[in-house]
Amino acid sequence: MEFLVVLIVALVVFGVFRYFRQRMYLKTLTEDQFKEGYRKAQLIDVREPQEFKRGHILGARNIPVTQMKQRLIELRKDKPVYLYCQSGSRAARAAQLLNKKGYKDINVLKGGFKKWTGKIK
């Protein structure tokens, strides 16, 4: 029983630590904030190609999170990166990878594509 309590406390502490560490390099933007800046940025849809084909934000490029490491050459470090996926979790994983590789201006759409009400293709 004692072990279980320690394990639960450790998991909570780890989760809180990851949350605050992520906030240091990742900006989660509302749809309005996202719309303000994505046209001047690198807009990346990190969903899989079949999801992208069913609909995506106008002007987005598809670089699935599963291919991100191999395709980093396609992204510039000197321009903001705006990421989105279906709900936000894959975009956060992609942001973590980009941060480790030295990208600085990383933004994620809060709620992902399923909450997007703007123009789509």
N, C-alpha and C. Protein backbone atom coordinates (compact mmCIF):
# COMPACT_ATOMS: atom_id res chain seq x y z
N MET A 1 0.82 -1.20 0.00
CA MET A 1 0.00 0.00 0.00
C MET A 1 0.87 1.27 0.00
N GLU A 2 1.88 1.26 0.86
CA GLU A 2 2.79 2.41 0.94
C GLU A 2 3.46 2.67 -0.40
N PHE A 3 3.87 1.58 -1.07
CA PHE A 3 4.53 1.68 -2.36
C PHE A 3 3.61 2.35 -3.39
N LEU A 4 2.34 1.97 -3.36
CA LEU A 4 1.36 2.53 -4.28
C LEU A 4 1.20 4.04 -4.09
N VAL A 5 1.16 4.50 -2.85
CA VAL A 5 1.05 5.93 -2.55
C VAL A 5 2.28 6.67 -3.07
N VAL A 6 3.46 6.11 -2.83
CA VAL A 6 4.71 6.72 -3.30
C VAL A 6 4.71 6.79 -4.83
N LEU A 7 4.27 5.72 -5.47
CA LEU A 7 4.22 5.67 -6.93
C LEU A 7 3.27 6.74 -7.48
N ILE A 8 2.11 6.87 -6.88
CA ILE A 8 1.13 7.87 -7.33
C ILE A 8 1.68 9.28 -7.15
N VAL A 9 2.29 9.56 -6.02
CA VAL A 9 2.89 10.88 -5.76
C VAL A 9 4.00 11.15 -6.78
N ALA A 10 4.83 10.15 -7.07
CA ALA A 10 5.91 10.32 -8.04
C ALA A 10 5.36 10.63 -9.43
N LEU A 11 4.30 9.95 -9.83
CA LEU A 11 3.69 10.21 -11.14
C LEU A 11 3.10 11.61 -11.22
N VAL A 12 2.47 12.06 -10.17
CA VAL A 12 1.90 13.41 -10.14
C VAL A 12 3.01 14.46 -10.23
N VAL A 13 4.07 14.27 -9.45
CA VAL A 13 5.21 15.21 -9.48
C VAL A 13 5.83 15.24 -10.87
N PHE A 14 6.02 14.07 -11.48
CA PHE A 14 6.59 14.01 -12.82
C PHE A 14 5.70 14.73 -13.83
N GLY A 15 4.39 14.53 -13.72
CA GLY A 15 3.46 15.19 -14.64
C GLY A 15 3.49 16.70 -14.49
N VAL A 16 3.52 17.19 -13.28
CA VAL A 16 3.59 18.63 -13.02
C VAL A 16 4.91 19.20 -13.57
N PHE A 17 6.01 18.48 -13.33
CA PHE A 17 7.32 18.91 -13.85
C PHE A 17 7.30 19.01 -15.37
N ARG A 18 6.77 17.99 -16.05
CA ARG A 18 6.71 18.01 -17.52
C ARG A 18 5.85 19.15 -18.02
N TYR A 19 4.74 19.40 -17.35
CA TYR A 19 3.83 20.48 -17.75
C TYR A 19 4.56 21.83 -17.72
N PHE A 20 5.25 22.12 -16.61
CA PHE A 20 5.93 23.41 -16.49
C PHE A 20 7.15 23.51 -17.40
N ARG A 21 7.86 22.40 -17.61
CA ARG A 21 9.00 22.41 -18.52
C ARG A 21 8.51 22.69 -19.94
N GLN A 22 7.41 22.05 -20.31
CA GLN A 22 6.87 22.25 -21.65
C GLN A 22 6.45 23.70 -21.87
N ARG A 23 5.90 24.33 -20.85
CA ARG A 23 5.45 25.72 -20.98
C ARG A 23 6.61 26.68 -21.24
N MET A 24 7.84 26.27 -20.93
CA MET A 24 9.00 27.13 -21.15
C MET A 24 9.32 27.28 -22.64
N TYR A 25 9.03 26.26 -23.45
CA TYR A 25 9.39 26.34 -24.86
C TYR A 25 8.19 26.29 -25.81
N LEU A 26 7.03 25.98 -25.29
CA LEU A 26 5.86 25.79 -26.14
C LEU A 26 4.76 26.78 -25.80
N LYS A 27 4.27 27.49 -26.83
CA LYS A 27 3.15 28.40 -26.62
C LYS A 27 1.89 27.72 -27.16
N THR A 28 0.90 27.53 -26.31
CA THR A 28 -0.38 26.98 -26.74
C THR A 28 -1.29 28.17 -27.03
N LEU A 29 -1.74 28.26 -28.27
CA LEU A 29 -2.49 29.43 -28.73
C LEU A 29 -3.96 29.10 -28.95
N THR A 30 -4.82 30.06 -28.63
CA THR A 30 -6.23 29.94 -28.99
C THR A 30 -6.34 30.06 -30.50
N GLU A 31 -7.49 29.74 -31.04
CA GLU A 31 -7.67 29.84 -32.49
C GLU A 31 -7.40 31.26 -32.99
N ASP A 32 -7.89 32.26 -32.27
CA ASP A 32 -7.67 33.66 -32.69
C ASP A 32 -6.18 34.01 -32.68
N GLN A 33 -5.46 33.62 -31.63
CA GLN A 33 -4.02 33.88 -31.56
C GLN A 33 -3.30 33.15 -32.69
N PHE A 34 -3.71 31.91 -32.97
CA PHE A 34 -3.11 31.10 -34.02
C PHE A 34 -3.31 31.78 -35.38
N LYS A 35 -4.54 32.26 -35.61
CA LYS A 35 -4.86 32.93 -36.89
C LYS A 35 -4.02 34.19 -37.08
N GLU A 36 -3.71 34.90 -35.99
CA GLU A 36 -2.91 36.13 -36.08
C GLU A 36 -1.53 35.89 -36.67
N GLY A 37 -0.93 34.73 -36.38
CA GLY A 37 0.46 34.55 -36.77
C GLY A 37 0.79 33.44 -37.74
N TYR A 38 -0.13 32.53 -38.02
CA TYR A 38 0.27 31.36 -38.80
C TYR A 38 0.62 31.64 -40.26
N ARG A 39 0.11 32.73 -40.83
CA ARG A 39 0.43 33.03 -42.23
C ARG A 39 1.88 33.48 -42.42
N LYS A 40 2.49 33.99 -41.34
CA LYS A 40 3.89 34.43 -41.41
C LYS A 40 4.84 33.35 -40.90
N ALA A 41 4.29 32.18 -40.63
CA ALA A 41 5.07 31.12 -40.00
C ALA A 41 5.08 29.87 -40.89
N GLN A 42 5.74 28.85 -40.37
CA GLN A 42 5.73 27.54 -41.00
C GLN A 42 4.57 26.77 -40.36
N LEU A 43 3.50 26.57 -41.13
CA LEU A 43 2.30 25.92 -40.62
C LEU A 43 2.38 24.42 -40.93
N ILE A 44 2.46 23.63 -39.87
CA ILE A 44 2.69 22.20 -40.03
C ILE A 44 1.57 21.38 -39.39
N ASP A 45 0.97 20.52 -40.20
CA ASP A 45 -0.02 19.55 -39.73
C ASP A 45 0.75 18.26 -39.44
N VAL A 46 0.76 17.83 -38.19
CA VAL A 46 1.55 16.66 -37.81
C VAL A 46 0.73 15.37 -37.81
N ARG A 47 -0.48 15.41 -38.35
CA ARG A 47 -1.30 14.20 -38.45
C ARG A 47 -0.80 13.33 -39.60
N GLU A 48 -1.31 12.12 -39.68
CA GLU A 48 -0.94 11.19 -40.74
C GLU A 48 -1.53 11.65 -42.08
N PRO A 49 -0.90 11.26 -43.22
CA PRO A 49 -1.34 11.73 -44.54
C PRO A 49 -2.83 11.51 -44.84
N GLN A 50 -3.39 10.38 -44.42
CA GLN A 50 -4.81 10.13 -44.71
C GLN A 50 -5.71 11.11 -43.95
N GLU A 51 -5.31 11.52 -42.74
CA GLU A 51 -6.07 12.52 -41.98
C GLU A 51 -5.96 13.87 -42.67
N PHE A 52 -4.75 14.22 -43.13
CA PHE A 52 -4.48 15.48 -43.82
C PHE A 52 -5.34 15.59 -45.07
N LYS A 53 -5.45 14.49 -45.84
CA LYS A 53 -6.22 14.49 -47.09
C LYS A 53 -7.71 14.72 -46.84
N ARG A 54 -8.21 14.31 -45.68
CA ARG A 54 -9.64 14.49 -45.37
C ARG A 54 -9.96 15.95 -45.02
N GLY A 55 -8.95 16.76 -44.81
CA GLY A 55 -9.17 18.17 -44.50
C GLY A 55 -8.05 18.71 -43.64
N HIS A 56 -7.62 19.93 -43.95
CA HIS A 56 -6.54 20.57 -43.19
C HIS A 56 -6.67 22.09 -43.29
N ILE A 57 -5.96 22.79 -42.41
CA ILE A 57 -5.95 24.25 -42.43
C ILE A 57 -5.31 24.71 -43.73
N LEU A 58 -5.96 25.65 -44.38
CA LEU A 58 -5.48 26.18 -45.65
C LEU A 58 -4.04 26.68 -45.50
N GLY A 59 -3.13 26.20 -46.35
CA GLY A 59 -1.74 26.63 -46.33
C GLY A 59 -0.81 25.73 -45.51
N ALA A 60 -1.37 24.70 -44.87
CA ALA A 60 -0.55 23.82 -44.03
C ALA A 60 0.22 22.82 -44.88
N ARG A 61 1.40 22.44 -44.36
CA ARG A 61 2.19 21.35 -44.93
C ARG A 61 2.03 20.15 -44.01
N ASN A 62 2.04 18.97 -44.58
CA ASN A 62 1.88 17.75 -43.79
C ASN A 62 3.25 17.12 -43.52
N ILE A 63 3.66 17.18 -42.25
CA ILE A 63 4.85 16.46 -41.80
C ILE A 63 4.40 15.67 -40.56
N PRO A 64 4.00 14.41 -40.77
CA PRO A 64 3.51 13.62 -39.63
C PRO A 64 4.55 13.52 -38.52
N VAL A 65 4.09 13.51 -37.28
CA VAL A 65 5.01 13.42 -36.14
C VAL A 65 5.87 12.17 -36.26
N THR A 66 5.33 11.12 -36.89
CA THR A 66 6.09 9.88 -37.05
C THR A 66 7.26 10.03 -38.02
N GLN A 67 7.25 11.09 -38.84
CA GLN A 67 8.33 11.35 -39.81
C GLN A 67 9.16 12.58 -39.45
N MET A 68 8.81 13.25 -38.37
CA MET A 68 9.40 14.55 -38.02
C MET A 68 10.94 14.50 -37.97
N LYS A 69 11.51 13.51 -37.29
CA LYS A 69 12.97 13.44 -37.16
C LYS A 69 13.65 13.39 -38.52
N GLN A 70 13.11 12.61 -39.45
CA GLN A 70 13.71 12.45 -40.77
C GLN A 70 13.50 13.67 -41.66
N ARG A 71 12.53 14.50 -41.34
CA ARG A 71 12.18 15.62 -42.22
C ARG A 71 12.49 16.99 -41.62
N LEU A 72 13.32 17.03 -40.58
CA LEU A 72 13.66 18.31 -39.94
C LEU A 72 14.31 19.29 -40.92
N ILE A 73 14.99 18.78 -41.93
CA ILE A 73 15.65 19.64 -42.92
C ILE A 73 14.63 20.55 -43.63
N GLU A 74 13.36 20.17 -43.63
CA GLU A 74 12.32 20.96 -44.29
C GLU A 74 11.89 22.17 -43.47
N LEU A 75 12.32 22.25 -42.21
CA LEU A 75 11.90 23.33 -41.32
C LEU A 75 13.05 24.27 -41.02
N ARG A 76 12.76 25.56 -41.05
CA ARG A 76 13.77 26.58 -40.74
C ARG A 76 13.73 26.92 -39.26
N LYS A 77 14.90 27.09 -38.66
CA LYS A 77 14.97 27.44 -37.25
C LYS A 77 14.75 28.94 -37.02
N ASP A 78 14.88 29.75 -38.08
CA ASP A 78 14.77 31.20 -37.93
C ASP A 78 13.34 31.73 -38.14
N LYS A 79 12.40 30.84 -38.37
CA LYS A 79 10.99 31.25 -38.55
C LYS A 79 10.13 30.53 -37.54
N PRO A 80 9.05 31.18 -37.07
CA PRO A 80 8.15 30.51 -36.13
C PRO A 80 7.55 29.24 -36.73
N VAL A 81 7.31 28.26 -35.88
CA VAL A 81 6.67 27.01 -36.30
C VAL A 81 5.31 26.93 -35.60
N TYR A 82 4.27 26.76 -36.39
CA TYR A 82 2.90 26.60 -35.88
C TYR A 82 2.48 25.17 -36.18
N LEU A 83 2.20 24.43 -35.12
CA LEU A 83 1.87 23.02 -35.24
C LEU A 83 0.42 22.77 -34.85
N TYR A 84 -0.16 21.76 -35.47
CA TYR A 84 -1.46 21.27 -35.00
C TYR A 84 -1.62 19.82 -35.40
N CYS A 85 -2.46 19.13 -34.65
CA CYS A 85 -2.85 17.76 -34.96
C CYS A 85 -4.36 17.70 -34.76
N GLN A 86 -4.90 16.52 -34.52
CA GLN A 86 -6.36 16.42 -34.37
C GLN A 86 -6.83 17.06 -33.06
N SER A 87 -6.11 16.78 -31.96
CA SER A 87 -6.56 17.30 -30.66
C SER A 87 -5.49 18.04 -29.87
N GLY A 88 -4.22 17.85 -30.18
CA GLY A 88 -3.15 18.58 -29.50
C GLY A 88 -2.02 17.73 -28.96
N SER A 89 -2.24 16.44 -28.73
CA SER A 89 -1.20 15.62 -28.11
C SER A 89 -0.04 15.33 -29.05
N ARG A 90 -0.31 15.02 -30.31
CA ARG A 90 0.79 14.76 -31.25
C ARG A 90 1.57 16.03 -31.54
N ALA A 91 0.88 17.16 -31.60
CA ALA A 91 1.56 18.44 -31.82
C ALA A 91 2.51 18.74 -30.66
N ALA A 92 2.10 18.41 -29.44
CA ALA A 92 2.96 18.62 -28.27
C ALA A 92 4.20 17.72 -28.36
N ARG A 93 4.03 16.48 -28.83
CA ARG A 93 5.18 15.58 -29.02
C ARG A 93 6.13 16.13 -30.08
N ALA A 94 5.57 16.64 -31.17
CA ALA A 94 6.40 17.22 -32.22
C ALA A 94 7.15 18.45 -31.69
N ALA A 95 6.47 19.26 -30.88
CA ALA A 95 7.09 20.45 -30.29
C ALA A 95 8.27 20.06 -29.40
N GLN A 96 8.10 19.00 -28.64
CA GLN A 96 9.18 18.53 -27.77
C GLN A 96 10.40 18.14 -28.59
N LEU A 97 10.18 17.45 -29.69
CA LEU A 97 11.29 17.06 -30.59
C LEU A 97 11.96 18.30 -31.18
N LEU A 98 11.16 19.25 -31.65
CA LEU A 98 11.73 20.47 -32.23
C LEU A 98 12.53 21.25 -31.20
N ASN A 99 12.04 21.33 -29.99
CA ASN A 99 12.76 22.01 -28.92
C ASN A 99 14.13 21.36 -28.69
N LYS A 100 14.16 20.04 -28.65
CA LYS A 100 15.42 19.31 -28.45
C LYS A 100 16.40 19.57 -29.59
N LYS A 101 15.87 19.84 -30.79
CA LYS A 101 16.71 20.08 -31.96
C LYS A 101 17.07 21.56 -32.16
N GLY A 102 16.69 22.41 -31.20
CA GLY A 102 17.12 23.80 -31.24
C GLY A 102 16.13 24.80 -31.80
N TYR A 103 14.92 24.40 -32.10
CA TYR A 103 13.90 25.35 -32.57
C TYR A 103 13.39 26.14 -31.38
N LYS A 104 13.15 27.44 -31.56
CA LYS A 104 12.81 28.31 -30.43
C LYS A 104 11.37 28.80 -30.42
N ASP A 105 10.84 29.23 -31.56
CA ASP A 105 9.49 29.82 -31.61
C ASP A 105 8.49 28.74 -32.03
N ILE A 106 8.01 27.96 -31.05
CA ILE A 106 7.14 26.82 -31.31
C ILE A 106 5.75 27.10 -30.73
N ASN A 107 4.74 26.98 -31.58
CA ASN A 107 3.36 27.28 -31.20
C ASN A 107 2.45 26.13 -31.57
N VAL A 108 1.49 25.84 -30.70
CA VAL A 108 0.55 24.75 -30.94
C VAL A 108 -0.87 25.29 -30.83
N LEU A 109 -1.75 24.81 -31.72
CA LEU A 109 -3.16 25.19 -31.71
C LEU A 109 -3.89 24.46 -30.58
N LYS A 110 -4.45 25.23 -29.66
CA LYS A 110 -5.19 24.65 -28.54
C LYS A 110 -6.44 23.92 -29.07
N GLY A 111 -6.59 22.68 -28.67
CA GLY A 111 -7.75 21.91 -29.11
C GLY A 111 -7.60 21.23 -30.46
N GLY A 112 -6.56 21.60 -31.21
CA GLY A 112 -6.28 20.96 -32.49
C GLY A 112 -7.28 21.26 -33.59
N PHE A 113 -7.14 20.48 -34.66
CA PHE A 113 -7.95 20.68 -35.87
C PHE A 113 -9.44 20.49 -35.60
N LYS A 114 -9.78 19.60 -34.67
CA LYS A 114 -11.20 19.34 -34.43
C LYS A 114 -11.93 20.56 -33.85
N LYS A 115 -11.18 21.52 -33.27
CA LYS A 115 -11.80 22.75 -32.74
C LYS A 115 -11.69 23.92 -33.73
N TRP A 116 -10.98 23.73 -34.83
CA TRP A 116 -10.72 24.80 -35.80
C TRP A 116 -12.00 25.19 -36.53
N THR A 117 -12.26 26.49 -36.62
CA THR A 117 -13.44 26.98 -37.35
C THR A 117 -13.06 27.83 -38.55
N GLY A 118 -11.74 28.01 -38.76
CA GLY A 118 -11.25 28.84 -39.86
C GLY A 118 -11.30 28.10 -41.20
N LYS A 119 -10.62 28.67 -42.20
CA LYS A 119 -10.62 28.11 -43.55
C LYS A 119 -9.89 26.76 -43.58
N ILE A 120 -10.50 25.84 -44.31
CA ILE A 120 -9.87 24.54 -44.50
C ILE A 120 -9.88 24.17 -45.97
N LYS A 121 -9.07 23.22 -46.32
CA LYS A 121 -9.03 22.72 -47.70
C LYS A 121 -9.49 21.28 -47.70
